[in-house]
Amino acid sequence: MLWPALLALVPLPAAESAARDAAEQEAAIPPPEAPSVPGLTLATADERVLLQRRVLAAWRFLLEVGHAPALAELAQLRALEVTPLPTPAAGVAVAWARAD
């Protein structure tokens, strides 16, 4: 790492040398490995972040231009998205239920 070498070049008062030594010790500790999640790769994570950024940018654009019809449609879709599915009645076959 470059910054510990640069830090050593900066003259510090004796009171701050303990803090510098502690910072150098912390810098020497390797960072922990990220926990592995099955099916999640760095490329997948990058794609998700990019999608989230694009969605937030689209929301911001619609809010700034005040496009009421699009915002109303998004509000309806959001309400539909959070609406819980009805529970199937006993004995009634449902197309999405598994038949064992």
C-alpha atoms as a PDB file:
ATOM      1  CA  MET A   1       0.000   0.000   0.000  1.00  0.00           C
ATOM      2  CA  LEU A   2       1.207   3.471  -0.795  1.00  0.00           C
ATOM      3  CA  TRP A   3      -0.402   5.516   1.970  1.00  0.00           C
ATOM      4  CA  PRO A   4       1.568   3.974   4.905  1.00  0.00           C
ATOM      5  CA  ALA A   5       4.783   4.947   3.103  1.00  0.00           C
ATOM      6  CA  LEU A   6       3.473   8.474   2.575  1.00  0.00           C
ATOM      7  CA  LEU A   7       2.303   8.622   6.179  1.00  0.00           C
ATOM      8  CA  ALA A   8       5.816   7.824   7.369  1.00  0.00           C
ATOM      9  CA  LEU A   9       7.134  10.897   5.525  1.00  0.00           C
ATOM     10  CA  VAL A  10       4.847  13.286   7.410  1.00  0.00           C
ATOM     11  CA  PRO A  11       6.423  14.502  10.654  1.00  0.00           C
ATOM     12  CA  LEU A  12       3.994  14.064  13.552  1.00  0.00           C
ATOM     13  CA  PRO A  13       4.152  15.191  17.158  1.00  0.00           C
ATOM     14  CA  ALA A  14       4.945  12.485  19.687  1.00  0.00           C
ATOM     15  CA  ALA A  15       1.286  12.382  20.831  1.00  0.00           C
ATOM     16  CA  GLU A  16       0.159  11.420  17.322  1.00  0.00           C
ATOM     17  CA  SER A  17       2.833   8.782  16.752  1.00  0.00           C
ATOM     18  CA  ALA A  18       0.791   6.229  18.722  1.00  0.00           C
ATOM     19  CA  ALA A  19      -2.162   6.864  16.445  1.00  0.00           C
ATOM     20  CA  ARG A  20       0.094   6.489  13.401  1.00  0.00           C
ATOM     21  CA  ASP A  21       1.455   3.194  14.734  1.00  0.00           C
ATOM     22  CA  ALA A  22      -2.080   1.920  15.352  1.00  0.00           C
ATOM     23  CA  ALA A  23      -3.119   2.945  11.836  1.00  0.00           C
ATOM     24  CA  GLU A  24      -0.141   1.101  10.351  1.00  0.00           C
ATOM     25  CA  GLN A  25      -1.039  -2.038  12.328  1.00  0.00           C
ATOM     26  CA  GLU A  26      -4.642  -1.856  11.125  1.00  0.00           C
ATOM     27  CA  ALA A  27      -3.477  -1.368   7.529  1.00  0.00           C
ATOM     28  CA  ALA A  28      -1.372  -4.528   7.774  1.00  0.00           C
ATOM     29  CA  ILE A  29      -4.437  -6.659   8.620  1.00  0.00           C
ATOM     30  CA  PRO A  30      -5.924  -8.123   5.425  1.00  0.00           C
ATOM     31  CA  PRO A  31      -9.602  -7.313   4.850  1.00  0.00           C
ATOM     32  CA  PRO A  32     -12.063 -10.133   5.546  1.00  0.00           C
ATOM     33  CA  GLU A  33     -13.294 -12.127   2.596  1.00  0.00           C
ATOM     34  CA  ALA A  34     -16.817 -11.428   1.442  1.00  0.00           C
ATOM     35  CA  PRO A  35     -19.223 -14.208   2.360  1.00  0.00           C
ATOM     36  CA  SER A  36     -20.026 -16.431  -0.555  1.00  0.00           C
ATOM     37  CA  VAL A  37     -23.619 -16.439  -1.696  1.00  0.00           C
ATOM     38  CA  PRO A  38     -24.644 -19.271  -4.006  1.00  0.00           C
ATOM     39  CA  GLY A  39     -25.322 -17.998  -7.517  1.00  0.00           C
ATOM     40  CA  LEU A  40     -24.107 -14.472  -6.810  1.00  0.00           C
ATOM     41  CA  THR A  41     -21.097 -13.427  -8.804  1.00  0.00           C
ATOM     42  CA  LEU A  42     -19.404 -10.076  -9.076  1.00  0.00           C
ATOM     43  CA  ALA A  43     -20.904  -9.643 -12.553  1.00  0.00           C
ATOM     44  CA  THR A  44     -24.411 -10.324 -11.200  1.00  0.00           C
ATOM     45  CA  ALA A  45     -23.880  -7.846  -8.380  1.00  0.00           C
ATOM     46  CA  ASP A  46     -22.662  -5.238 -10.885  1.00  0.00           C
ATOM     47  CA  GLU A  47     -25.750  -5.768 -13.029  1.00  0.00           C
ATOM     48  CA  ARG A  48     -28.031  -5.372 -10.016  1.00  0.00           C
ATOM     49  CA  VAL A  49     -26.362  -2.146  -8.939  1.00  0.00           C
ATOM     50  CA  LEU A  50     -26.572  -0.766 -12.478  1.00  0.00           C
ATOM     51  CA  LEU A  51     -30.282  -1.642 -12.669  1.00  0.00           C
ATOM     52  CA  GLN A  52     -30.965   0.013  -9.304  1.00  0.00           C
ATOM     53  CA  ARG A  53     -29.131   3.158 -10.386  1.00  0.00           C
ATOM     54  CA  ARG A  54     -31.102   3.319 -13.630  1.00  0.00           C
ATOM     55  CA  VAL A  55     -34.414   2.837 -11.807  1.00  0.00           C
ATOM     56  CA  LEU A  56     -33.578   5.569  -9.310  1.00  0.00           C
ATOM     57  CA  ALA A  57     -32.503   7.886 -12.133  1.00  0.00           C
ATOM     58  CA  ALA A  58     -35.794   7.247 -13.944  1.00  0.00           C
ATOM     59  CA  TRP A  59     -37.785   8.005 -10.787  1.00  0.00           C
ATOM     60  CA  ARG A  60     -35.829  11.194 -10.231  1.00  0.00           C
ATOM     61  CA  PHE A  61     -36.392  12.275 -13.838  1.00  0.00           C
ATOM     62  CA  LEU A  62     -40.154  11.700 -13.601  1.00  0.00           C
ATOM     63  CA  LEU A  63     -40.321  13.572 -10.300  1.00  0.00           C
ATOM     64  CA  GLU A  64     -38.310  16.520 -11.620  1.00  0.00           C
ATOM     65  CA  VAL A  65     -40.330  16.928 -14.821  1.00  0.00           C
ATOM     66  CA  GLY A  66     -43.562  16.283 -12.943  1.00  0.00           C
ATOM     67  CA  HIS A  67     -44.932  13.736 -15.415  1.00  0.00           C
ATOM     68  CA  ALA A  68     -48.199  13.048 -13.557  1.00  0.00           C
ATOM     69  CA  PRO A  69     -49.581  10.230 -15.785  1.00  0.00           C
ATOM     70  CA  ALA A  70     -46.385   8.181 -15.518  1.00  0.00           C
ATOM     71  CA  LEU A  71     -46.141   8.770 -11.768  1.00  0.00           C
ATOM     72  CA  ALA A  72     -49.790   7.738 -11.334  1.00  0.00           C
ATOM     73  CA  GLU A  73     -49.196   4.548 -13.311  1.00  0.00           C
ATOM     74  CA  LEU A  74     -46.116   3.757 -11.236  1.00  0.00           C
ATOM     75  CA  ALA A  75     -48.130   4.307  -8.050  1.00  0.00           C
ATOM     76  CA  GLN A  76     -50.750   1.831  -9.287  1.00  0.00           C
ATOM     77  CA  LEU A  77     -48.095  -0.737 -10.177  1.00  0.00           C
ATOM     78  CA  ARG A  78     -46.430  -0.302  -6.787  1.00  0.00           C
ATOM     79  CA  ALA A  79     -49.774  -0.791  -5.007  1.00  0.00           C
ATOM     80  CA  LEU A  80     -50.367  -3.942  -7.039  1.00  0.00           C
ATOM     81  CA  GLU A  81     -46.868  -5.169  -6.278  1.00  0.00           C
ATOM     82  CA  VAL A  82     -47.376  -4.981  -2.502  1.00  0.00           C
ATOM     83  CA  THR A  83     -50.910  -6.432  -2.558  1.00  0.00           C
ATOM     84  CA  PRO A  84     -50.839  -9.896  -0.950  1.00  0.00           C
ATOM     85  CA  LEU A  85     -52.047 -12.815  -3.015  1.00  0.00           C
ATOM     86  CA  PRO A  86     -55.342 -14.363  -1.926  1.00  0.00           C
ATOM     87  CA  THR A  87     -55.114 -17.675  -0.122  1.00  0.00           C
ATOM     88  CA  PRO A  88     -56.634 -20.540  -2.052  1.00  0.00           C
ATOM     89  CA  ALA A  89     -59.872 -21.905  -0.618  1.00  0.00           C
ATOM     90  CA  ALA A  90     -59.877 -25.494   0.597  1.00  0.00           C
ATOM     91  CA  GLY A  91     -60.545 -27.946  -2.197  1.00  0.00           C
ATOM     92  CA  VAL A  92     -60.260 -25.344  -4.981  1.00  0.00           C
ATOM     93  CA  ALA A  93     -57.606 -26.055  -7.574  1.00  0.00           C
ATOM     94  CA  VAL A  94     -55.327 -23.152  -8.285  1.00  0.00           C
ATOM     95  CA  ALA A  95     -53.286 -22.958 -11.477  1.00  0.00           C
ATOM     96  CA  TRP A  96     -50.076 -21.995  -9.661  1.00  0.00           C
ATOM     97  CA  ALA A  97     -50.395 -24.578  -6.855  1.00  0.00           C
ATOM     98  CA  ARG A  98     -48.417 -27.795  -7.103  1.00  0.00           C
ATOM     99  CA  ALA A  99     -50.397 -30.961  -7.504  1.00  0.00           C
ATOM    100  CA  ASP A 100     -48.722 -33.740  -5.542  1.00  0.00           C
END
